C-alpha atoms as a PDB file:
ATOM      1  CA  UNK A   1      97.362 -29.969 -29.015  1.00  0.00           C
ATOM      2  CA  UNK A   2     100.041 -27.837 -30.588  1.00  0.00           C
ATOM      3  CA  UNK A   3      98.728 -24.893 -32.665  1.00  0.00           C
ATOM      4  CA  UNK A   4      99.642 -24.996 -36.340  1.00  0.00           C
ATOM      5  CA  UNK A   5      98.620 -23.025 -39.402  1.00  0.00           C
ATOM      6  CA  UNK A   6      96.542 -26.011 -40.540  1.00  0.00           C
ATOM      7  CA  UNK A   7      94.099 -25.889 -37.634  1.00  0.00           C
ATOM      8  CA  UNK A   8      92.135 -22.693 -37.254  1.00  0.00           C
ATOM      9  CA  UNK A   9      92.088 -21.004 -33.823  1.00  0.00           C
ATOM     10  CA  UNK A  10      88.956 -21.325 -31.713  1.00  0.00           C
ATOM     11  CA  UNK A  11      89.286 -17.744 -30.480  1.00  0.00           C
ATOM     12  CA  UNK A  12      91.121 -14.518 -31.199  1.00  0.00           C
ATOM     13  CA  UNK A  13      92.683 -12.921 -28.084  1.00  0.00           C
ATOM     14  CA  UNK A  14      92.370  -9.169 -27.550  1.00  0.00           C
ATOM     15  CA  UNK A  15      93.754  -6.769 -24.954  1.00  0.00           C
ATOM     16  CA  UNK A  16      90.947  -4.329 -24.136  1.00  0.00           C
ATOM     17  CA  UNK A  17      91.458  -0.961 -22.461  1.00  0.00           C
ATOM     18  CA  UNK A  18      88.492   1.139 -21.388  1.00  0.00           C
ATOM     19  CA  UNK A  19      84.785   0.398 -21.349  1.00  0.00           C
ATOM     20  CA  UNK A  20      81.834   0.522 -23.738  1.00  0.00           C
ATOM     21  CA  UNK A  21      82.025   2.537 -26.953  1.00  0.00           C
ATOM     22  CA  UNK A  22      85.344   4.113 -25.955  1.00  0.00           C
ATOM     23  CA  UNK A  23      87.135   0.775 -25.395  1.00  0.00           C
ATOM     24  CA  UNK A  24      90.287   0.185 -27.442  1.00  0.00           C
ATOM     25  CA  UNK A  25      90.731  -3.415 -28.675  1.00  0.00           C
ATOM     26  CA  UNK A  26      94.131  -4.735 -29.791  1.00  0.00           C
ATOM     27  CA  UNK A  27      94.455  -8.260 -31.186  1.00  0.00           C
ATOM     28  CA  UNK A  28      97.411  -9.898 -29.453  1.00  0.00           C
ATOM     29  CA  UNK A  29      97.016 -13.622 -30.059  1.00  0.00           C
ATOM     30  CA  UNK A  30      94.899 -16.716 -30.599  1.00  0.00           C
ATOM     31  CA  UNK A  31      93.577 -19.713 -28.648  1.00  0.00           C
ATOM     32  CA  UNK A  32      93.047 -23.304 -29.785  1.00  0.00           C
ATOM     33  CA  UNK A  33      90.746 -25.755 -27.999  1.00  0.00           C
ATOM     34  CA  UNK A  34      92.208 -29.016 -26.746  1.00  0.00           C
ATOM     35  CA  UNK A  35      91.032 -32.214 -28.415  1.00  0.00           C
ATOM     36  CA  UNK A  36      89.434 -33.403 -25.154  1.00  0.00           C
ATOM     37  CA  UNK A  37      87.414 -30.156 -24.895  1.00  0.00           C
ATOM     38  CA  UNK A  38      88.753 -29.411 -21.394  1.00  0.00           C
ATOM     39  CA  UNK A  39      91.024 -26.467 -22.061  1.00  0.00           C
ATOM     40  CA  UNK A  40      92.777 -24.122 -24.477  1.00  0.00           C
ATOM     41  CA  UNK A  41      96.293 -23.406 -25.662  1.00  0.00           C
ATOM     42  CA  UNK A  42      96.890 -19.659 -25.930  1.00  0.00           C
ATOM     43  CA  UNK A  43      99.603 -18.007 -28.016  1.00  0.00           C
ATOM     44  CA  UNK A  44     100.263 -14.298 -27.417  1.00  0.00           C
ATOM     45  CA  UNK A  45     102.385 -11.985 -29.559  1.00  0.00           C
ATOM     46  CA  UNK A  46     102.703  -9.497 -26.676  1.00  0.00           C
ATOM     47  CA  UNK A  47     101.609  -9.038 -23.066  1.00  0.00           C
ATOM     48  CA  UNK A  48      99.301  -6.211 -22.008  1.00  0.00           C
ATOM     49  CA  UNK A  49     100.482  -4.008 -19.149  1.00  0.00           C
ATOM     50  CA  UNK A  50      96.933  -2.978 -18.269  1.00  0.00           C
ATOM     51  CA  UNK A  51      93.376  -3.633 -19.365  1.00  0.00           C
ATOM     52  CA  UNK A  52      91.865  -7.090 -19.684  1.00  0.00           C
ATOM     53  CA  UNK A  53      92.093 -10.091 -22.001  1.00  0.00           C
ATOM     54  CA  UNK A  54      89.022 -11.030 -24.052  1.00  0.00           C
ATOM     55  CA  UNK A  55      88.621 -14.186 -26.173  1.00  0.00           C
ATOM     56  CA  UNK A  56      86.220 -13.849 -29.120  1.00  0.00           C
ATOM     57  CA  UNK A  57      85.257 -15.983 -32.103  1.00  0.00           C
ATOM     58  CA  UNK A  58      87.866 -15.433 -34.825  1.00  0.00           C
ATOM     59  CA  UNK A  59      86.854 -13.228 -37.722  1.00  0.00           C
ATOM     60  CA  UNK A  60      86.565 -14.594 -41.240  1.00  0.00           C
ATOM     61  CA  UNK A  61      88.725 -13.174 -44.036  1.00  0.00           C
ATOM     62  CA  UNK A  62      86.028 -10.632 -44.977  1.00  0.00           C
ATOM     63  CA  UNK A  63      85.858  -9.308 -41.401  1.00  0.00           C
ATOM     64  CA  UNK A  64      82.490 -10.813 -40.423  1.00  0.00           C
ATOM     65  CA  UNK A  65      82.255 -13.016 -37.368  1.00  0.00           C
ATOM     66  CA  UNK A  66      81.205 -16.587 -37.987  1.00  0.00           C
END
């Protein structure tokens, strides 16, 4: 499935550096689930040079997680 603005992403993608309360999270993309439920398409706006990638539920417009 090709991501479009009409279908909302399943996850937000973050690059995370550090651990615990001192971790620094940078949103770098989004992921959409495939129609068959067996995978995801991921679009990144940049690539992290260190840290890890974390996929989380996307935030709503008011900043609360659904």
